[in-house]
Amino acid sequence: MADKKKQLDAALSHALMNDMERIEYGFATYWKQIVIAAVAVVIVIAAVFGYFAVSRNAAREAAFALADAATVDELNAALDKYADAPGVAAARFRLAKLLSADKKYDEALQELTAVKAAKPGEPLLGMAMLSMAYIQELKGSYEAAAAEFEAIGALPEVSAGVRAEACTNAGRLYLQLKELNKAAAALKRADIPDLRSTTAAAWSMDAKSLLVALESGEYGPYKPETAPVKL
């Protein structure tokens, strides 16, 4: 009975408290738990801010290291250290250019293949793919280069300028290989109307000049293919 009376008194006392009194009473009763919880929150917040600060500093360090690397050795070292950094694809592209200049074509193609696999946005994707085709040409693999240029010219995910450049070079190589009908088809596809791209317009003009030369017989007898008549 005494216990029940104590419980009723406590409930009545709590009901009669105003809000401020309840807060003061709660703090006086549970101050240790409140302090521990507050400290825990501060530690969590500090840890989160610390993580983002460290991540931001690491990203900045990686970006500077990849951008500042200027030689094959420096780029290889930076790529080994920062393999997962956002600027890796661009650094690999620069490395491929240096390797190609040293006539290390197979190594350059490996780097460009890695760039392509990373699926970067334009213009890097288109530049990497064009570079792969140009390297095939430098290696003397004209048929492979022409086929690669032709394939790039049909890709909607690259820019109009890249497609026009690819089609023009495909046509040029097919002319060199005396595959005149393939050359004509590629050169016609290079006519990509895009008022926003001066690059596309320039390559389209080059393609038209080559097409005129082809049709005038400068590359040998040429008879345009005609579509079969449907009966």
C-alpha atoms as a PDB file:
ATOM      1  CA  MET A   1       0.000   0.000   0.000  1.00  0.00           C
ATOM      2  CA  ALA A   2       2.864   2.337   0.879  1.00  0.00           C
ATOM      3  CA  ASP A   3       4.531   1.660  -2.478  1.00  0.00           C
ATOM      4  CA  LYS A   4       1.345   2.422  -4.345  1.00  0.00           C
ATOM      5  CA  LYS A   5       0.970   5.719  -2.462  1.00  0.00           C
ATOM      6  CA  LYS A   6       4.544   6.687  -3.384  1.00  0.00           C
ATOM      7  CA  GLN A   7       3.822   5.981  -7.044  1.00  0.00           C
ATOM      8  CA  LEU A   8       0.653   8.103  -6.947  1.00  0.00           C
ATOM      9  CA  ASP A   9       2.492  10.957  -5.225  1.00  0.00           C
ATOM     10  CA  ALA A  10       5.263  10.853  -7.824  1.00  0.00           C
ATOM     11  CA  ALA A  11       2.745  10.855 -10.682  1.00  0.00           C
ATOM     12  CA  LEU A  12       0.832  13.766  -9.116  1.00  0.00           C
ATOM     13  CA  SER A  13       4.052  15.697  -8.534  1.00  0.00           C
ATOM     14  CA  HIS A  14       5.131  15.171 -12.153  1.00  0.00           C
ATOM     15  CA  ALA A  15       1.736  16.252 -13.446  1.00  0.00           C
ATOM     16  CA  LEU A  16       1.908  19.483 -11.448  1.00  0.00           C
ATOM     17  CA  MET A  17       5.375  20.432 -12.784  1.00  0.00           C
ATOM     18  CA  ASN A  18       5.601  23.115 -15.465  1.00  0.00           C
ATOM     19  CA  ASP A  19       7.768  22.536 -18.524  1.00  0.00           C
ATOM     20  CA  MET A  20      10.837  24.262 -17.104  1.00  0.00           C
ATOM     21  CA  GLU A  21      10.610  22.301 -13.895  1.00  0.00           C
ATOM     22  CA  ARG A  22      10.353  19.059 -15.870  1.00  0.00           C
ATOM     23  CA  ILE A  23      13.479  19.948 -17.840  1.00  0.00           C
ATOM     24  CA  GLU A  24      15.367  20.823 -14.655  1.00  0.00           C
ATOM     25  CA  TYR A  25      14.188  17.654 -12.969  1.00  0.00           C
ATOM     26  CA  GLY A  26      15.105  15.518 -15.991  1.00  0.00           C
ATOM     27  CA  PHE A  27      18.556  17.071 -16.214  1.00  0.00           C
ATOM     28  CA  ALA A  28      19.167  16.616 -12.484  1.00  0.00           C
ATOM     29  CA  THR A  29      18.106  12.989 -12.705  1.00  0.00           C
ATOM     30  CA  TYR A  30      19.742  11.975 -16.006  1.00  0.00           C
ATOM     31  CA  TRP A  31      22.611  14.454 -16.310  1.00  0.00           C
ATOM     32  CA  LYS A  32      25.236  11.736 -16.802  1.00  0.00           C
ATOM     33  CA  GLN A  33      23.335  10.132 -19.677  1.00  0.00           C
ATOM     34  CA  ILE A  34      22.691  13.546 -21.265  1.00  0.00           C
ATOM     35  CA  VAL A  35      26.365  14.508 -21.092  1.00  0.00           C
ATOM     36  CA  ILE A  36      27.440  11.157 -22.554  1.00  0.00           C
ATOM     37  CA  ALA A  37      24.934  11.508 -25.427  1.00  0.00           C
ATOM     38  CA  ALA A  38      26.050  15.084 -26.127  1.00  0.00           C
ATOM     39  CA  VAL A  39      29.703  14.075 -26.201  1.00  0.00           C
ATOM     40  CA  ALA A  40      28.852  11.196 -28.550  1.00  0.00           C
ATOM     41  CA  VAL A  41      27.064  13.586 -30.929  1.00  0.00           C
ATOM     42  CA  VAL A  42      30.031  15.961 -30.918  1.00  0.00           C
ATOM     43  CA  ILE A  43      32.409  13.081 -31.662  1.00  0.00           C
ATOM     44  CA  VAL A  44      30.236  11.871 -34.569  1.00  0.00           C
ATOM     45  CA  ILE A  45      29.996  15.369 -36.055  1.00  0.00           C
ATOM     46  CA  ALA A  46      33.748  15.875 -35.708  1.00  0.00           C
ATOM     47  CA  ALA A  47      34.399  12.502 -37.342  1.00  0.00           C
ATOM     48  CA  VAL A  48      32.102  13.321 -40.285  1.00  0.00           C
ATOM     49  CA  PHE A  49      33.690  16.725 -40.857  1.00  0.00           C
ATOM     50  CA  GLY A  50      37.140  15.177 -40.470  1.00  0.00           C
ATOM     51  CA  TYR A  51      36.332  12.495 -43.048  1.00  0.00           C
ATOM     52  CA  PHE A  52      35.143  15.048 -45.597  1.00  0.00           C
ATOM     53  CA  ALA A  53      38.161  17.270 -44.948  1.00  0.00           C
ATOM     54  CA  VAL A  54      40.561  14.362 -45.441  1.00  0.00           C
ATOM     55  CA  SER A  55      38.697  13.200 -48.561  1.00  0.00           C
ATOM     56  CA  ARG A  56      38.755  16.719 -50.005  1.00  0.00           C
ATOM     57  CA  ASN A  57      42.472  17.085 -49.329  1.00  0.00           C
ATOM     58  CA  ALA A  58      43.186  13.654 -50.845  1.00  0.00           C
ATOM     59  CA  ALA A  59      41.180  14.499 -53.963  1.00  0.00           C
ATOM     60  CA  ARG A  60      43.026  17.812 -54.305  1.00  0.00           C
ATOM     61  CA  GLU A  61      46.395  16.090 -53.892  1.00  0.00           C
ATOM     62  CA  ALA A  62      45.495  13.478 -56.535  1.00  0.00           C
ATOM     63  CA  ALA A  63      44.267  16.114 -58.979  1.00  0.00           C
ATOM     64  CA  PHE A  64      47.468  18.159 -58.666  1.00  0.00           C
ATOM     65  CA  ALA A  65      49.706  15.087 -58.942  1.00  0.00           C
ATOM     66  CA  LEU A  66      47.969  13.832 -62.092  1.00  0.00           C
ATOM     67  CA  ALA A  67      47.873  17.287 -63.669  1.00  0.00           C
ATOM     68  CA  ASP A  68      51.505  18.124 -62.887  1.00  0.00           C
ATOM     69  CA  ALA A  69      52.926  14.833 -64.193  1.00  0.00           C
ATOM     70  CA  ALA A  70      54.632  15.630 -67.499  1.00  0.00           C
ATOM     71  CA  THR A  71      56.770  12.626 -68.423  1.00  0.00           C
ATOM     72  CA  VAL A  72      56.034   8.951 -68.981  1.00  0.00           C
ATOM     73  CA  ASP A  73      57.664   8.023 -65.669  1.00  0.00           C
ATOM     74  CA  GLU A  74      55.846  10.754 -63.739  1.00  0.00           C
ATOM     75  CA  LEU A  75      52.491   9.811 -65.240  1.00  0.00           C
ATOM     76  CA  ASN A  76      53.007   6.119 -64.531  1.00  0.00           C
ATOM     77  CA  ALA A  77      53.948   6.889 -60.919  1.00  0.00           C
ATOM     78  CA  ALA A  78      50.931   9.164 -60.448  1.00  0.00           C
ATOM     79  CA  LEU A  79      48.584   6.616 -62.024  1.00  0.00           C
ATOM     80  CA  ASP A  80      49.914   3.865 -59.769  1.00  0.00           C
ATOM     81  CA  LYS A  81      49.385   6.009 -56.673  1.00  0.00           C
ATOM     82  CA  TYR A  82      46.022   7.537 -57.590  1.00  0.00           C
ATOM     83  CA  ALA A  83      44.434   4.755 -59.636  1.00  0.00           C
ATOM     84  CA  ASP A  84      40.896   5.614 -58.485  1.00  0.00           C
ATOM     85  CA  ALA A  85      41.065   9.410 -58.758  1.00  0.00           C
ATOM     86  CA  PRO A  86      38.632  11.270 -61.060  1.00  0.00           C
ATOM     87  CA  GLY A  87      41.411  12.604 -63.309  1.00  0.00           C
ATOM     88  CA  VAL A  88      42.845   9.201 -64.213  1.00  0.00           C
ATOM     89  CA  ALA A  89      41.267   8.956 -67.684  1.00  0.00           C
ATOM     90  CA  ALA A  90      42.677  12.320 -68.781  1.00  0.00           C
ATOM     91  CA  ALA A  91      46.105  11.394 -67.393  1.00  0.00           C
ATOM     92  CA  ARG A  92      46.056   8.099 -69.295  1.00  0.00           C
ATOM     93  CA  PHE A  93      45.213   9.977 -72.479  1.00  0.00           C
ATOM     94  CA  ARG A  94      48.220  12.252 -71.986  1.00  0.00           C
ATOM     95  CA  LEU A  95      50.395   9.214 -71.297  1.00  0.00           C
ATOM     96  CA  ALA A  96      49.162   7.601 -74.523  1.00  0.00           C
ATOM     97  CA  LYS A  97      50.154  10.711 -76.486  1.00  0.00           C
ATOM     98  CA  LEU A  98      53.677  10.574 -75.053  1.00  0.00           C
ATOM     99  CA  LEU A  99      53.982   6.850 -75.767  1.00  0.00           C
ATOM    100  CA  SER A 100      52.736   7.357 -79.308  1.00  0.00           C
ATOM    101  CA  ALA A 101      55.273  10.139 -79.853  1.00  0.00           C
ATOM    102  CA  ASP A 102      57.959   7.644 -78.775  1.00  0.00           C
ATOM    103  CA  LYS A 103      56.490   5.151 -81.303  1.00  0.00           C
ATOM    104  CA  LYS A 104      55.447   2.814 -78.496  1.00  0.00           C
ATOM    105  CA  TYR A 105      52.177   2.232 -80.269  1.00  0.00           C
ATOM    106  CA  ASP A 106      51.057  -0.944 -78.515  1.00  0.00           C
ATOM    107  CA  GLU A 107      51.566   0.625 -75.081  1.00  0.00           C
ATOM    108  CA  ALA A 108      49.705   3.723 -76.220  1.00  0.00           C
ATOM    109  CA  LEU A 109      46.803   1.580 -77.419  1.00  0.00           C
ATOM    110  CA  GLN A 110      46.647  -0.121 -74.018  1.00  0.00           C
ATOM    111  CA  GLU A 111      46.286   3.240 -72.290  1.00  0.00           C
ATOM    112  CA  LEU A 112      43.659   4.420 -74.766  1.00  0.00           C
ATOM    113  CA  THR A 113      41.724   1.185 -74.342  1.00  0.00           C
ATOM    114  CA  ALA A 114      41.654   1.869 -70.591  1.00  0.00           C
ATOM    115  CA  VAL A 115      40.419   5.416 -71.245  1.00  0.00           C
ATOM    116  CA  LYS A 116      37.632   4.105 -73.475  1.00  0.00           C
ATOM    117  CA  ALA A 117      36.659   1.469 -70.887  1.00  0.00           C
ATOM    118  CA  ALA A 118      36.301   4.203 -68.252  1.00  0.00           C
ATOM    119  CA  LYS A 119      33.544   5.768 -70.400  1.00  0.00           C
ATOM    120  CA  PRO A 120      34.529   9.402 -69.894  1.00  0.00           C
ATOM    121  CA  GLY A 121      32.365  12.149 -71.293  1.00  0.00           C
ATOM    122  CA  GLU A 122      33.022  14.191 -74.375  1.00  0.00           C
ATOM    123  CA  PRO A 123      35.388  15.388 -75.669  1.00  0.00           C
ATOM    124  CA  LEU A 124      37.752  12.873 -74.041  1.00  0.00           C
ATOM    125  CA  LEU A 125      35.918   9.756 -75.247  1.00  0.00           C
ATOM    126  CA  GLY A 126      35.901  10.879 -78.860  1.00  0.00           C
ATOM    127  CA  MET A 127      39.525  12.012 -78.730  1.00  0.00           C
ATOM    128  CA  ALA A 128      40.613   8.662 -77.294  1.00  0.00           C
ATOM    129  CA  MET A 129      38.765   6.678 -79.950  1.00  0.00           C
ATOM    130  CA  LEU A 130      40.104   8.827 -82.787  1.00  0.00           C
ATOM    131  CA  SER A 131      43.612   8.457 -81.370  1.00  0.00           C
ATOM    132  CA  MET A 132      43.265   4.669 -81.405  1.00  0.00           C
ATOM    133  CA  ALA A 133      42.370   4.750 -85.091  1.00  0.00           C
ATOM    134  CA  TYR A 134      45.221   7.160 -85.915  1.00  0.00           C
ATOM    135  CA  ILE A 135      47.689   4.872 -84.124  1.00  0.00           C
ATOM    136  CA  GLN A 136      46.487   1.921 -86.184  1.00  0.00           C
ATOM    137  CA  GLU A 137      47.275   4.001 -89.259  1.00  0.00           C
ATOM    138  CA  LEU A 138      50.722   4.890 -87.890  1.00  0.00           C
ATOM    139  CA  LYS A 139      51.361   1.178 -87.378  1.00  0.00           C
ATOM    140  CA  GLY A 140      50.577   0.596 -91.045  1.00  0.00           C
ATOM    141  CA  SER A 141      47.299  -1.218 -90.337  1.00  0.00           C
ATOM    142  CA  TYR A 142      45.334   0.834 -92.855  1.00  0.00           C
ATOM    143  CA  GLU A 143      42.383  -1.549 -93.159  1.00  0.00           C
ATOM    144  CA  ALA A 144      41.955  -1.686 -89.374  1.00  0.00           C
ATOM    145  CA  ALA A 145      42.292   2.088 -89.099  1.00  0.00           C
ATOM    146  CA  ALA A 146      39.707   2.694 -91.829  1.00  0.00           C
ATOM    147  CA  ALA A 147      37.275   0.296 -90.158  1.00  0.00           C
ATOM    148  CA  GLU A 148      37.767   1.987 -86.771  1.00  0.00           C
ATOM    149  CA  PHE A 149      37.228   5.452 -88.227  1.00  0.00           C
ATOM    150  CA  GLU A 150      34.115   4.212 -89.991  1.00  0.00           C
ATOM    151  CA  ALA A 151      32.733   2.733 -86.757  1.00  0.00           C
ATOM    152  CA  ILE A 152      33.395   5.943 -84.807  1.00  0.00           C
ATOM    153  CA  GLY A 153      31.550   7.918 -87.468  1.00  0.00           C
ATOM    154  CA  ALA A 154      28.382   5.981 -86.682  1.00  0.00           C
ATOM    155  CA  LEU A 155      28.435   6.505 -82.902  1.00  0.00           C
ATOM    156  CA  PRO A 156      25.715   8.837 -81.578  1.00  0.00           C
ATOM    157  CA  GLU A 157      27.469   9.299 -78.217  1.00  0.00           C
ATOM    158  CA  VAL A 158      30.391  11.248 -79.684  1.00  0.00           C
ATOM    159  CA  SER A 159      30.198  14.815 -80.934  1.00  0.00           C
ATOM    160  CA  ALA A 160      29.348  15.879 -84.488  1.00  0.00           C
ATOM    161  CA  GLY A 161      32.929  17.077 -84.933  1.00  0.00           C
ATOM    162  CA  VAL A 162      34.329  13.672 -83.972  1.00  0.00           C
ATOM    163  CA  ARG A 163      31.911  11.860 -86.293  1.00  0.00           C
ATOM    164  CA  ALA A 164      32.768  14.144 -89.205  1.00  0.00           C
ATOM    165  CA  GLU A 165      36.507  13.725 -88.589  1.00  0.00           C
ATOM    166  CA  ALA A 166      36.129   9.951 -88.369  1.00  0.00           C
ATOM    167  CA  CYS A 167      34.085   9.660 -91.568  1.00  0.00           C
ATOM    168  CA  THR A 168      36.490  11.902 -93.480  1.00  0.00           C
ATOM    169  CA  ASN A 169      39.492   9.855 -92.399  1.00  0.00           C
ATOM    170  CA  ALA A 170      37.693   6.610 -93.176  1.00  0.00           C
ATOM    171  CA  GLY A 171      37.030   7.920 -96.678  1.00  0.00           C
ATOM    172  CA  ARG A 172      40.630   9.082 -97.078  1.00  0.00           C
ATOM    173  CA  LEU A 173      41.990   5.669 -96.106  1.00  0.00           C
ATOM    174  CA  TYR A 174      39.528   3.814 -98.321  1.00  0.00           C
ATOM    175  CA  LEU A 175      40.705   5.997-101.210  1.00  0.00           C
ATOM    176  CA  GLN A 176      44.270   5.017-100.387  1.00  0.00           C
ATOM    177  CA  LEU A 177      43.197   1.355-100.351  1.00  0.00           C
ATOM    178  CA  LYS A 178      41.371   1.821-103.687  1.00  0.00           C
ATOM    179  CA  GLU A 179      38.074   0.799-102.119  1.00  0.00           C
ATOM    180  CA  LEU A 180      36.287   3.607-103.882  1.00  0.00           C
ATOM    181  CA  ASN A 181      32.686   2.730-103.106  1.00  0.00           C
ATOM    182  CA  LYS A 182      33.445   2.474 -99.383  1.00  0.00           C
ATOM    183  CA  ALA A 183      35.317   5.764 -99.651  1.00  0.00           C
ATOM    184  CA  ALA A 184      32.365   7.497-101.277  1.00  0.00           C
ATOM    185  CA  ALA A 185      29.945   6.188 -98.638  1.00  0.00           C
ATOM    186  CA  ALA A 186      32.163   7.340 -95.771  1.00  0.00           C
ATOM    187  CA  LEU A 187      32.773  10.769 -97.293  1.00  0.00           C
ATOM    188  CA  LYS A 188      29.059  11.327 -97.813  1.00  0.00           C
ATOM    189  CA  ARG A 189      28.400  10.447 -94.166  1.00  0.00           C
ATOM    190  CA  ALA A 190      30.913  13.128 -93.144  1.00  0.00           C
ATOM    191  CA  ASP A 191      28.422  15.785 -94.236  1.00  0.00           C
ATOM    192  CA  ILE A 192      26.996  16.321 -90.761  1.00  0.00           C
ATOM    193  CA  PRO A 193      24.987  19.537 -90.501  1.00  0.00           C
ATOM    194  CA  ASP A 194      25.607  21.053 -87.081  1.00  0.00           C
ATOM    195  CA  LEU A 195      25.632  24.837 -86.882  1.00  0.00           C
ATOM    196  CA  ARG A 196      27.127  24.665 -83.369  1.00  0.00           C
ATOM    197  CA  SER A 197      30.261  22.804 -84.499  1.00  0.00           C
ATOM    198  CA  THR A 198      32.858  24.598 -86.601  1.00  0.00           C
ATOM    199  CA  THR A 199      34.960  21.436 -86.378  1.00  0.00           C
ATOM    200  CA  ALA A 200      32.236  19.372 -88.036  1.00  0.00           C
ATOM    201  CA  ALA A 201      31.870  22.006 -90.758  1.00  0.00           C
ATOM    202  CA  ALA A 202      35.623  22.020 -91.476  1.00  0.00           C
ATOM    203  CA  TRP A 203      35.845  18.238 -91.745  1.00  0.00           C
ATOM    204  CA  SER A 204      32.710  18.149 -93.883  1.00  0.00           C
ATOM    205  CA  MET A 205      34.352  20.570 -96.320  1.00  0.00           C
ATOM    206  CA  ASP A 206      37.437  18.339 -96.505  1.00  0.00           C
ATOM    207  CA  ALA A 207      35.210  15.343 -97.170  1.00  0.00           C
ATOM    208  CA  LYS A 208      33.386  17.160 -99.963  1.00  0.00           C
ATOM    209  CA  SER A 209      36.715  18.043-101.602  1.00  0.00           C
ATOM    210  CA  LEU A 210      37.804  14.400-101.506  1.00  0.00           C
ATOM    211  CA  LEU A 211      34.434  13.296-102.865  1.00  0.00           C
ATOM    212  CA  VAL A 212      34.710  15.728-105.791  1.00  0.00           C
ATOM    213  CA  ALA A 213      38.200  14.406-106.545  1.00  0.00           C
ATOM    214  CA  LEU A 214      36.903  10.833-106.388  1.00  0.00           C
ATOM    215  CA  GLU A 215      33.966  11.521-108.688  1.00  0.00           C
ATOM    216  CA  SER A 216      36.202  13.347-111.167  1.00  0.00           C
ATOM    217  CA  GLY A 217      38.366  10.245-111.554  1.00  0.00           C
ATOM    218  CA  GLU A 218      41.483  11.385-109.687  1.00  0.00           C
ATOM    219  CA  TYR A 219      41.613   8.097-107.806  1.00  0.00           C
ATOM    220  CA  GLY A 220      40.858   5.904-110.787  1.00  0.00           C
ATOM    221  CA  PRO A 221      37.719   4.804-112.600  1.00  0.00           C
ATOM    222  CA  TYR A 222      34.761   5.171-110.304  1.00  0.00           C
ATOM    223  CA  LYS A 223      31.209   4.123-110.893  1.00  0.00           C
ATOM    224  CA  PRO A 224      28.800   4.899-108.070  1.00  0.00           C
ATOM    225  CA  GLU A 225      26.905   1.933-106.746  1.00  0.00           C
ATOM    226  CA  THR A 226      23.208   2.054-107.498  1.00  0.00           C
ATOM    227  CA  ALA A 227      20.522   0.515-105.371  1.00  0.00           C
ATOM    228  CA  PRO A 228      18.860  -2.505-106.967  1.00  0.00           C
ATOM    229  CA  VAL A 229      15.514  -1.756-108.562  1.00  0.00           C
ATOM    230  CA  LYS A 230      12.636  -3.453-106.797  1.00  0.00           C
ATOM    231  CA  LEU A 231      10.209  -5.111-109.176  1.00  0.00           C
END
